[in-house]
C-alpha atoms as a PDB file:
ATOM      1  CA  UNK A   1     -39.186 -79.408 195.821  1.00  0.00           C
ATOM      2  CA  UNK A   2     -38.767 -81.234 199.095  1.00  0.00           C
ATOM      3  CA  UNK A   3     -34.983 -80.884 198.837  1.00  0.00           C
ATOM      4  CA  UNK A   4     -35.305 -77.178 198.016  1.00  0.00           C
ATOM      5  CA  UNK A   5     -37.518 -76.612 201.037  1.00  0.00           C
ATOM      6  CA  UNK A   6     -35.040 -78.454 203.227  1.00  0.00           C
ATOM      7  CA  UNK A   7     -31.795 -77.068 201.805  1.00  0.00           C
ATOM      8  CA  UNK A   8     -32.417 -73.563 200.410  1.00  0.00           C
ATOM      9  CA  UNK A   9     -32.976 -70.732 202.918  1.00  0.00           C
ATOM     10  CA  UNK A  10     -35.086 -68.711 200.476  1.00  0.00           C
ATOM     11  CA  UNK A  11     -37.356 -71.600 199.498  1.00  0.00           C
ATOM     12  CA  UNK A  12     -37.698 -72.649 203.123  1.00  0.00           C
ATOM     13  CA  UNK A  13     -38.970 -69.208 204.171  1.00  0.00           C
ATOM     14  CA  UNK A  14     -41.715 -69.010 201.544  1.00  0.00           C
ATOM     15  CA  UNK A  15     -45.427 -69.328 202.313  1.00  0.00           C
ATOM     16  CA  UNK A  16     -48.605 -69.614 200.247  1.00  0.00           C
ATOM     17  CA  UNK A  17     -48.959 -65.846 200.511  1.00  0.00           C
ATOM     18  CA  UNK A  18     -45.429 -65.015 199.352  1.00  0.00           C
ATOM     19  CA  UNK A  19     -45.494 -67.477 196.445  1.00  0.00           C
ATOM     20  CA  UNK A  20     -48.974 -66.534 195.142  1.00  0.00           C
ATOM     21  CA  UNK A  21     -47.727 -63.411 193.259  1.00  0.00           C
ATOM     22  CA  UNK A  22     -45.125 -65.548 191.454  1.00  0.00           C
ATOM     23  CA  UNK A  23     -47.847 -68.026 190.492  1.00  0.00           C
ATOM     24  CA  UNK A  24     -49.906 -65.237 188.926  1.00  0.00           C
ATOM     25  CA  UNK A  25     -46.839 -63.860 187.141  1.00  0.00           C
ATOM     26  CA  UNK A  26     -45.966 -67.259 185.673  1.00  0.00           C
ATOM     27  CA  UNK A  27     -49.527 -67.716 184.392  1.00  0.00           C
ATOM     28  CA  UNK A  28     -49.262 -64.387 182.571  1.00  0.00           C
ATOM     29  CA  UNK A  29     -45.922 -65.402 181.093  1.00  0.00           C
ATOM     30  CA  UNK A  30     -47.569 -68.544 179.709  1.00  0.00           C
ATOM     31  CA  UNK A  31     -50.241 -66.345 178.113  1.00  0.00           C
ATOM     32  CA  UNK A  32     -47.554 -64.032 176.737  1.00  0.00           C
ATOM     33  CA  UNK A  33     -45.663 -66.899 175.093  1.00  0.00           C
ATOM     34  CA  UNK A  34     -48.883 -68.106 173.460  1.00  0.00           C
ATOM     35  CA  UNK A  35     -49.698 -64.602 172.251  1.00  0.00           C
ATOM     36  CA  UNK A  36     -46.205 -64.339 170.719  1.00  0.00           C
ATOM     37  CA  UNK A  37     -46.476 -67.876 169.294  1.00  0.00           C
ATOM     38  CA  UNK A  38     -43.123 -68.572 170.927  1.00  0.00           C
ATOM     39  CA  UNK A  39     -43.527 -72.314 171.346  1.00  0.00           C
ATOM     40  CA  UNK A  40     -40.021 -72.982 172.666  1.00  0.00           C
ATOM     41  CA  UNK A  41     -40.547 -70.313 175.308  1.00  0.00           C
ATOM     42  CA  UNK A  42     -44.018 -71.728 176.022  1.00  0.00           C
ATOM     43  CA  UNK A  43     -42.474 -75.057 177.027  1.00  0.00           C
ATOM     44  CA  UNK A  44     -40.245 -73.265 179.523  1.00  0.00           C
ATOM     45  CA  UNK A  45     -43.079 -71.127 180.870  1.00  0.00           C
ATOM     46  CA  UNK A  46     -45.367 -74.141 181.332  1.00  0.00           C
ATOM     47  CA  UNK A  47     -42.575 -75.753 183.323  1.00  0.00           C
ATOM     48  CA  UNK A  48     -42.307 -72.652 185.492  1.00  0.00           C
ATOM     49  CA  UNK A  49     -46.068 -72.696 186.066  1.00  0.00           C
ATOM     50  CA  UNK A  50     -46.009 -76.397 186.914  1.00  0.00           C
ATOM     51  CA  UNK A  51     -43.237 -75.675 189.407  1.00  0.00           C
ATOM     52  CA  UNK A  52     -45.546 -73.200 191.131  1.00  0.00           C
ATOM     53  CA  UNK A  53     -48.199 -75.905 191.508  1.00  0.00           C
ATOM     54  CA  UNK A  54     -45.625 -78.285 192.953  1.00  0.00           C
ATOM     55  CA  UNK A  55     -44.391 -75.549 195.315  1.00  0.00           C
ATOM     56  CA  UNK A  56     -47.869 -74.938 196.722  1.00  0.00           C
ATOM     57  CA  UNK A  57     -48.597 -78.661 196.958  1.00  0.00           C
ATOM     58  CA  UNK A  58     -45.377 -79.280 198.873  1.00  0.00           C
ATOM     59  CA  UNK A  59     -46.144 -76.515 201.376  1.00  0.00           C
ATOM     60  CA  UNK A  60     -49.609 -78.004 201.839  1.00  0.00           C
ATOM     61  CA  UNK A  61     -48.099 -81.451 202.381  1.00  0.00           C
ATOM     62  CA  UNK A  62     -45.825 -80.029 205.075  1.00  0.00           C
ATOM     63  CA  UNK A  63     -48.932 -78.788 206.897  1.00  0.00           C
ATOM     64  CA  UNK A  64     -50.697 -82.134 206.371  1.00  0.00           C
ATOM     65  CA  UNK A  65     -53.398 -80.385 204.301  1.00  0.00           C
ATOM     66  CA  UNK A  66     -53.036 -82.301 201.014  1.00  0.00           C
ATOM     67  CA  UNK A  67     -50.299 -83.354 198.611  1.00  0.00           C
ATOM     68  CA  UNK A  68     -49.589 -83.209 194.878  1.00  0.00           C
ATOM     69  CA  UNK A  69     -51.429 -86.472 194.327  1.00  0.00           C
ATOM     70  CA  UNK A  70     -54.481 -84.927 195.983  1.00  0.00           C
ATOM     71  CA  UNK A  71     -54.303 -81.961 193.623  1.00  0.00           C
ATOM     72  CA  UNK A  72     -54.289 -84.274 190.597  1.00  0.00           C
ATOM     73  CA  UNK A  73     -57.073 -86.425 192.029  1.00  0.00           C
ATOM     74  CA  UNK A  74     -59.265 -83.377 192.754  1.00  0.00           C
ATOM     75  CA  UNK A  75     -59.016 -81.935 189.251  1.00  0.00           C
ATOM     76  CA  UNK A  76     -59.505 -85.387 187.696  1.00  0.00           C
ATOM     77  CA  UNK A  77     -62.670 -85.921 189.715  1.00  0.00           C
ATOM     78  CA  UNK A  78     -63.925 -82.479 188.745  1.00  0.00           C
ATOM     79  CA  UNK A  79     -63.262 -82.975 185.026  1.00  0.00           C
ATOM     80  CA  UNK A  80     -65.003 -86.363 185.015  1.00  0.00           C
ATOM     81  CA  UNK A  81     -68.034 -84.880 186.790  1.00  0.00           C
ATOM     82  CA  UNK A  82     -68.200 -81.957 184.358  1.00  0.00           C
ATOM     83  CA  UNK A  83     -67.955 -84.158 181.254  1.00  0.00           C
ATOM     84  CA  UNK A  84     -70.764 -86.690 181.681  1.00  0.00           C
ATOM     85  CA  UNK A  85     -71.037 -86.915 177.880  1.00  0.00           C
ATOM     86  CA  UNK A  86     -67.476 -88.294 177.802  1.00  0.00           C
ATOM     87  CA  UNK A  87     -67.259 -90.339 181.001  1.00  0.00           C
ATOM     88  CA  UNK A  88     -70.868 -90.937 182.020  1.00  0.00           C
ATOM     89  CA  UNK A  89     -72.634 -92.138 178.904  1.00  0.00           C
ATOM     90  CA  UNK A  90     -74.697 -88.968 178.488  1.00  0.00           C
ATOM     91  CA  UNK A  91     -75.586 -87.558 175.093  1.00  0.00           C
ATOM     92  CA  UNK A  92     -72.824 -85.439 173.561  1.00  0.00           C
ATOM     93  CA  UNK A  93     -73.770 -81.753 173.059  1.00  0.00           C
ATOM     94  CA  UNK A  94     -74.183 -80.838 169.404  1.00  0.00           C
ATOM     95  CA  UNK A  95     -71.672 -77.991 169.438  1.00  0.00           C
ATOM     96  CA  UNK A  96     -69.008 -76.272 171.497  1.00  0.00           C
ATOM     97  CA  UNK A  97     -71.541 -73.547 172.338  1.00  0.00           C
ATOM     98  CA  UNK A  98     -73.996 -76.136 173.649  1.00  0.00           C
ATOM     99  CA  UNK A  99     -71.198 -77.692 175.672  1.00  0.00           C
ATOM    100  CA  UNK A 100     -70.395 -74.285 177.198  1.00  0.00           C
ATOM    101  CA  UNK A 101     -74.020 -73.934 178.293  1.00  0.00           C
ATOM    102  CA  UNK A 102     -73.963 -77.413 179.827  1.00  0.00           C
ATOM    103  CA  UNK A 103     -70.638 -76.666 181.537  1.00  0.00           C
ATOM    104  CA  UNK A 104     -71.993 -73.484 183.111  1.00  0.00           C
ATOM    105  CA  UNK A 105     -75.109 -75.333 184.265  1.00  0.00           C
ATOM    106  CA  UNK A 106     -72.971 -77.980 185.961  1.00  0.00           C
ATOM    107  CA  UNK A 107     -70.895 -75.312 187.699  1.00  0.00           C
ATOM    108  CA  UNK A 108     -74.074 -73.533 188.739  1.00  0.00           C
ATOM    109  CA  UNK A 109     -75.354 -76.770 190.301  1.00  0.00           C
ATOM    110  CA  UNK A 110     -72.057 -77.204 192.155  1.00  0.00           C
ATOM    111  CA  UNK A 111     -72.269 -73.655 193.517  1.00  0.00           C
ATOM    112  CA  UNK A 112     -75.883 -74.163 194.601  1.00  0.00           C
ATOM    113  CA  UNK A 113     -74.768 -77.018 196.836  1.00  0.00           C
ATOM    114  CA  UNK A 114     -72.312 -74.769 198.674  1.00  0.00           C
ATOM    115  CA  UNK A 115     -73.266 -72.145 201.281  1.00  0.00           C
ATOM    116  CA  UNK A 116     -72.949 -68.426 200.518  1.00  0.00           C
ATOM    117  CA  UNK A 117     -73.979 -65.994 197.793  1.00  0.00           C
ATOM    118  CA  UNK A 118     -73.461 -66.532 194.081  1.00  0.00           C
ATOM    119  CA  UNK A 119     -70.611 -64.006 193.956  1.00  0.00           C
ATOM    120  CA  UNK A 120     -68.713 -65.368 196.955  1.00  0.00           C
ATOM    121  CA  UNK A 121     -66.356 -67.666 195.066  1.00  0.00           C
ATOM    122  CA  UNK A 122     -65.294 -65.220 192.332  1.00  0.00           C
ATOM    123  CA  UNK A 123     -61.603 -64.896 193.286  1.00  0.00           C
ATOM    124  CA  UNK A 124     -60.638 -61.487 194.655  1.00  0.00           C
ATOM    125  CA  UNK A 125     -57.070 -61.949 193.399  1.00  0.00           C
ATOM    126  CA  UNK A 126     -58.130 -61.894 189.742  1.00  0.00           C
ATOM    127  CA  UNK A 127     -57.089 -58.857 187.685  1.00  0.00           C
ATOM    128  CA  UNK A 128     -59.776 -56.227 188.269  1.00  0.00           C
ATOM    129  CA  UNK A 129     -60.998 -56.212 184.660  1.00  0.00           C
ATOM    130  CA  UNK A 130     -61.340 -59.992 184.543  1.00  0.00           C
ATOM    131  CA  UNK A 131     -63.043 -60.095 187.938  1.00  0.00           C
ATOM    132  CA  UNK A 132     -65.512 -57.420 186.815  1.00  0.00           C
ATOM    133  CA  UNK A 133     -66.446 -59.570 183.826  1.00  0.00           C
ATOM    134  CA  UNK A 134     -66.899 -62.674 185.973  1.00  0.00           C
ATOM    135  CA  UNK A 135     -68.967 -60.841 188.583  1.00  0.00           C
ATOM    136  CA  UNK A 136     -71.264 -59.480 185.875  1.00  0.00           C
ATOM    137  CA  UNK A 137     -71.558 -62.863 184.191  1.00  0.00           C
ATOM    138  CA  UNK A 138     -72.425 -64.520 187.488  1.00  0.00           C
ATOM    139  CA  UNK A 139     -75.066 -61.885 188.305  1.00  0.00           C
ATOM    140  CA  UNK A 140     -76.396 -62.165 184.743  1.00  0.00           C
ATOM    141  CA  UNK A 141     -76.914 -65.912 185.218  1.00  0.00           C
ATOM    142  CA  UNK A 142     -79.798 -65.115 187.604  1.00  0.00           C
ATOM    143  CA  UNK A 143     -81.257 -62.339 185.449  1.00  0.00           C
ATOM    144  CA  UNK A 144     -79.524 -59.297 186.952  1.00  0.00           C
ATOM    145  CA  UNK A 145     -78.209 -57.862 183.709  1.00  0.00           C
ATOM    146  CA  UNK A 146     -78.696 -55.226 181.031  1.00  0.00           C
ATOM    147  CA  UNK A 147     -81.014 -56.258 178.201  1.00  0.00           C
ATOM    148  CA  UNK A 148     -78.531 -55.662 175.393  1.00  0.00           C
ATOM    149  CA  UNK A 149     -75.303 -53.939 174.364  1.00  0.00           C
ATOM    150  CA  UNK A 150     -76.934 -50.591 173.377  1.00  0.00           C
ATOM    151  CA  UNK A 151     -78.262 -50.283 176.932  1.00  0.00           C
ATOM    152  CA  UNK A 152     -74.740 -50.727 178.250  1.00  0.00           C
ATOM    153  CA  UNK A 153     -73.453 -48.079 175.828  1.00  0.00           C
ATOM    154  CA  UNK A 154     -76.014 -45.691 177.332  1.00  0.00           C
ATOM    155  CA  UNK A 155     -74.704 -46.580 180.786  1.00  0.00           C
ATOM    156  CA  UNK A 156     -71.123 -45.883 179.654  1.00  0.00           C
ATOM    157  CA  UNK A 157     -72.156 -42.429 178.426  1.00  0.00           C
ATOM    158  CA  UNK A 158     -73.908 -41.824 181.750  1.00  0.00           C
ATOM    159  CA  UNK A 159     -70.824 -42.853 183.738  1.00  0.00           C
ATOM    160  CA  UNK A 160     -68.539 -40.664 181.600  1.00  0.00           C
ATOM    161  CA  UNK A 161     -70.887 -37.760 182.235  1.00  0.00           C
ATOM    162  CA  UNK A 162     -70.719 -38.353 185.972  1.00  0.00           C
ATOM    163  CA  UNK A 163     -66.931 -38.063 185.845  1.00  0.00           C
ATOM    164  CA  UNK A 164     -67.241 -34.684 184.146  1.00  0.00           C
ATOM    165  CA  UNK A 165     -69.870 -33.601 186.688  1.00  0.00           C
ATOM    166  CA  UNK A 166     -67.672 -34.664 189.592  1.00  0.00           C
ATOM    167  CA  UNK A 167     -64.747 -32.700 188.177  1.00  0.00           C
ATOM    168  CA  UNK A 168     -66.902 -29.632 187.617  1.00  0.00           C
ATOM    169  CA  UNK A 169     -68.156 -29.852 191.189  1.00  0.00           C
ATOM    170  CA  UNK A 170     -64.597 -29.927 192.509  1.00  0.00           C
ATOM    171  CA  UNK A 171     -64.870 -33.483 193.813  1.00  0.00           C
ATOM    172  CA  UNK A 172     -61.891 -34.951 195.625  1.00  0.00           C
ATOM    173  CA  UNK A 173     -59.652 -37.731 194.279  1.00  0.00           C
ATOM    174  CA  UNK A 174     -61.602 -40.495 196.041  1.00  0.00           C
ATOM    175  CA  UNK A 175     -64.854 -39.494 194.320  1.00  0.00           C
ATOM    176  CA  UNK A 176     -63.133 -39.202 190.942  1.00  0.00           C
ATOM    177  CA  UNK A 177     -61.578 -42.638 191.453  1.00  0.00           C
ATOM    178  CA  UNK A 178     -64.994 -44.068 192.276  1.00  0.00           C
ATOM    179  CA  UNK A 179     -66.544 -42.613 189.117  1.00  0.00           C
ATOM    180  CA  UNK A 180     -63.684 -43.838 186.928  1.00  0.00           C
ATOM    181  CA  UNK A 181     -64.125 -47.304 188.468  1.00  0.00           C
ATOM    182  CA  UNK A 182     -67.819 -47.225 187.569  1.00  0.00           C
ATOM    183  CA  UNK A 183     -66.919 -46.331 183.977  1.00  0.00           C
ATOM    184  CA  UNK A 184     -64.404 -49.169 183.692  1.00  0.00           C
ATOM    185  CA  UNK A 185     -66.929 -51.596 185.195  1.00  0.00           C
ATOM    186  CA  UNK A 186     -69.484 -50.560 182.576  1.00  0.00           C
ATOM    187  CA  UNK A 187     -66.927 -50.967 179.759  1.00  0.00           C
ATOM    188  CA  UNK A 188     -66.174 -54.504 180.993  1.00  0.00           C
ATOM    189  CA  UNK A 189     -69.902 -55.177 180.886  1.00  0.00           C
ATOM    190  CA  UNK A 190     -70.110 -53.952 177.296  1.00  0.00           C
ATOM    191  CA  UNK A 191     -67.262 -56.279 176.305  1.00  0.00           C
ATOM    192  CA  UNK A 192     -69.146 -59.197 177.844  1.00  0.00           C
ATOM    193  CA  UNK A 193     -72.337 -58.348 175.961  1.00  0.00           C
ATOM    194  CA  UNK A 194     -70.382 -58.123 172.711  1.00  0.00           C
ATOM    195  CA  UNK A 195     -68.633 -61.439 173.493  1.00  0.00           C
ATOM    196  CA  UNK A 196     -65.248 -59.699 173.553  1.00  0.00           C
ATOM    197  CA  UNK A 197     -62.563 -60.763 176.022  1.00  0.00           C
ATOM    198  CA  UNK A 198     -61.797 -57.429 177.768  1.00  0.00           C
ATOM    199  CA  UNK A 199     -58.332 -58.538 178.905  1.00  0.00           C
ATOM    200  CA  UNK A 200     -57.403 -59.598 175.374  1.00  0.00           C
ATOM    201  CA  UNK A 201     -58.879 -56.416 173.905  1.00  0.00           C
ATOM    202  CA  UNK A 202     -56.895 -54.243 176.300  1.00  0.00           C
ATOM    203  CA  UNK A 203     -53.699 -56.219 175.676  1.00  0.00           C
ATOM    204  CA  UNK A 204     -54.192 -55.653 171.945  1.00  0.00           C
ATOM    205  CA  UNK A 205     -54.766 -51.940 172.547  1.00  0.00           C
ATOM    206  CA  UNK A 206     -51.598 -51.808 174.660  1.00  0.00           C
ATOM    207  CA  UNK A 207     -49.604 -53.518 171.919  1.00  0.00           C
ATOM    208  CA  UNK A 208     -50.998 -51.120 169.333  1.00  0.00           C
ATOM    209  CA  UNK A 209     -50.064 -48.118 171.456  1.00  0.00           C
ATOM    210  CA  UNK A 210     -46.518 -49.428 171.929  1.00  0.00           C
ATOM    211  CA  UNK A 211     -46.179 -50.095 168.198  1.00  0.00           C
ATOM    212  CA  UNK A 212     -47.347 -46.620 167.204  1.00  0.00           C
ATOM    213  CA  UNK A 213     -45.343 -44.848 169.877  1.00  0.00           C
ATOM    214  CA  UNK A 214     -42.223 -46.634 168.690  1.00  0.00           C
ATOM    215  CA  UNK A 215     -43.008 -45.277 165.232  1.00  0.00           C
ATOM    216  CA  UNK A 216     -43.110 -41.784 166.764  1.00  0.00           C
ATOM    217  CA  UNK A 217     -39.727 -42.385 168.392  1.00  0.00           C
ATOM    218  CA  UNK A 218     -38.264 -43.637 165.111  1.00  0.00           C
ATOM    219  CA  UNK A 219     -39.657 -40.662 163.197  1.00  0.00           C
ATOM    220  CA  UNK A 220     -38.254 -38.208 165.711  1.00  0.00           C
ATOM    221  CA  UNK A 221     -34.895 -39.986 165.799  1.00  0.00           C
ATOM    222  CA  UNK A 222     -34.658 -39.512 162.022  1.00  0.00           C
ATOM    223  CA  UNK A 223     -34.968 -35.769 162.729  1.00  0.00           C
ATOM    224  CA  UNK A 224     -32.360 -35.900 165.486  1.00  0.00           C
ATOM    225  CA  UNK A 225     -34.929 -35.505 168.264  1.00  0.00           C
ATOM    226  CA  UNK A 226     -36.265 -37.393 171.243  1.00  0.00           C
ATOM    227  CA  UNK A 227     -39.902 -37.327 172.364  1.00  0.00           C
ATOM    228  CA  UNK A 228     -38.937 -35.015 175.229  1.00  0.00           C
ATOM    229  CA  UNK A 229     -37.594 -32.519 172.674  1.00  0.00           C
ATOM    230  CA  UNK A 230     -40.617 -32.665 170.365  1.00  0.00           C
ATOM    231  CA  UNK A 231     -43.894 -30.779 170.536  1.00  0.00           C
ATOM    232  CA  UNK A 232     -47.224 -32.527 170.993  1.00  0.00           C
ATOM    233  CA  UNK A 233     -48.195 -31.487 167.445  1.00  0.00           C
ATOM    234  CA  UNK A 234     -45.091 -33.186 166.030  1.00  0.00           C
ATOM    235  CA  UNK A 235     -45.794 -36.397 167.906  1.00  0.00           C
ATOM    236  CA  UNK A 236     -49.478 -36.316 166.964  1.00  0.00           C
ATOM    237  CA  UNK A 237     -48.570 -35.956 163.260  1.00  0.00           C
ATOM    238  CA  UNK A 238     -46.248 -38.959 163.474  1.00  0.00           C
ATOM    239  CA  UNK A 239     -48.954 -40.906 165.320  1.00  0.00           C
ATOM    240  CA  UNK A 240     -51.381 -40.240 162.472  1.00  0.00           C
ATOM    241  CA  UNK A 241     -48.753 -41.388 159.959  1.00  0.00           C
ATOM    242  CA  UNK A 242     -48.203 -44.599 161.899  1.00  0.00           C
ATOM    243  CA  UNK A 243     -51.952 -45.180 162.077  1.00  0.00           C
ATOM    244  CA  UNK A 244     -52.329 -44.677 158.329  1.00  0.00           C
ATOM    245  CA  UNK A 245     -49.405 -47.011 157.712  1.00  0.00           C
ATOM    246  CA  UNK A 246     -51.234 -49.787 159.501  1.00  0.00           C
END
């Protein structure tokens, strides 16, 4: 990485800000390889992600902020502190669920020792759906939460109604966007209450849509048509067939 920064014009010009989007992209490609169970590809993607860590660490070293060794030391220290039952002689939790509770309590203690509000360190760069879940979880840790999932379902219905009301009132695009955002935020909250990963659920829904739409394309191709040449009724009928086939 040092040689790249010294000898490659592109690498030399990069900054934390310009490399951050690539880091996020590589993390998603790791997740994609796991989802596809493509283990050969996973090895490559983990290497790409590791390269991103090295890239950031090298830029930090150039600014005399920290180096790669400091990155490793910091995460090692953190993991030891958060696993007292492994490294500190404490009693081992009886289950993974109990360990999760203990883990969250340790993180809560760490946050309490830092200045600022409890939502301050939820990264703004997270995908919006994931950040919504984390914000709600953090607020819920101090009791600011809906009592149960049915209450959230009621809130979802309320938010959907407000979208319809805004449309009927001739609201502008900014107001409609706000109401849609409220609806999505409530749906993320429902997923959390039901212990469903909203990102995973939406990825699965995306994959299902792609699969069924491809079935529509195949069905139309057998008739010598493209989707642009077909009616909505034709495509809907093929969608239903694909759904039944699954």
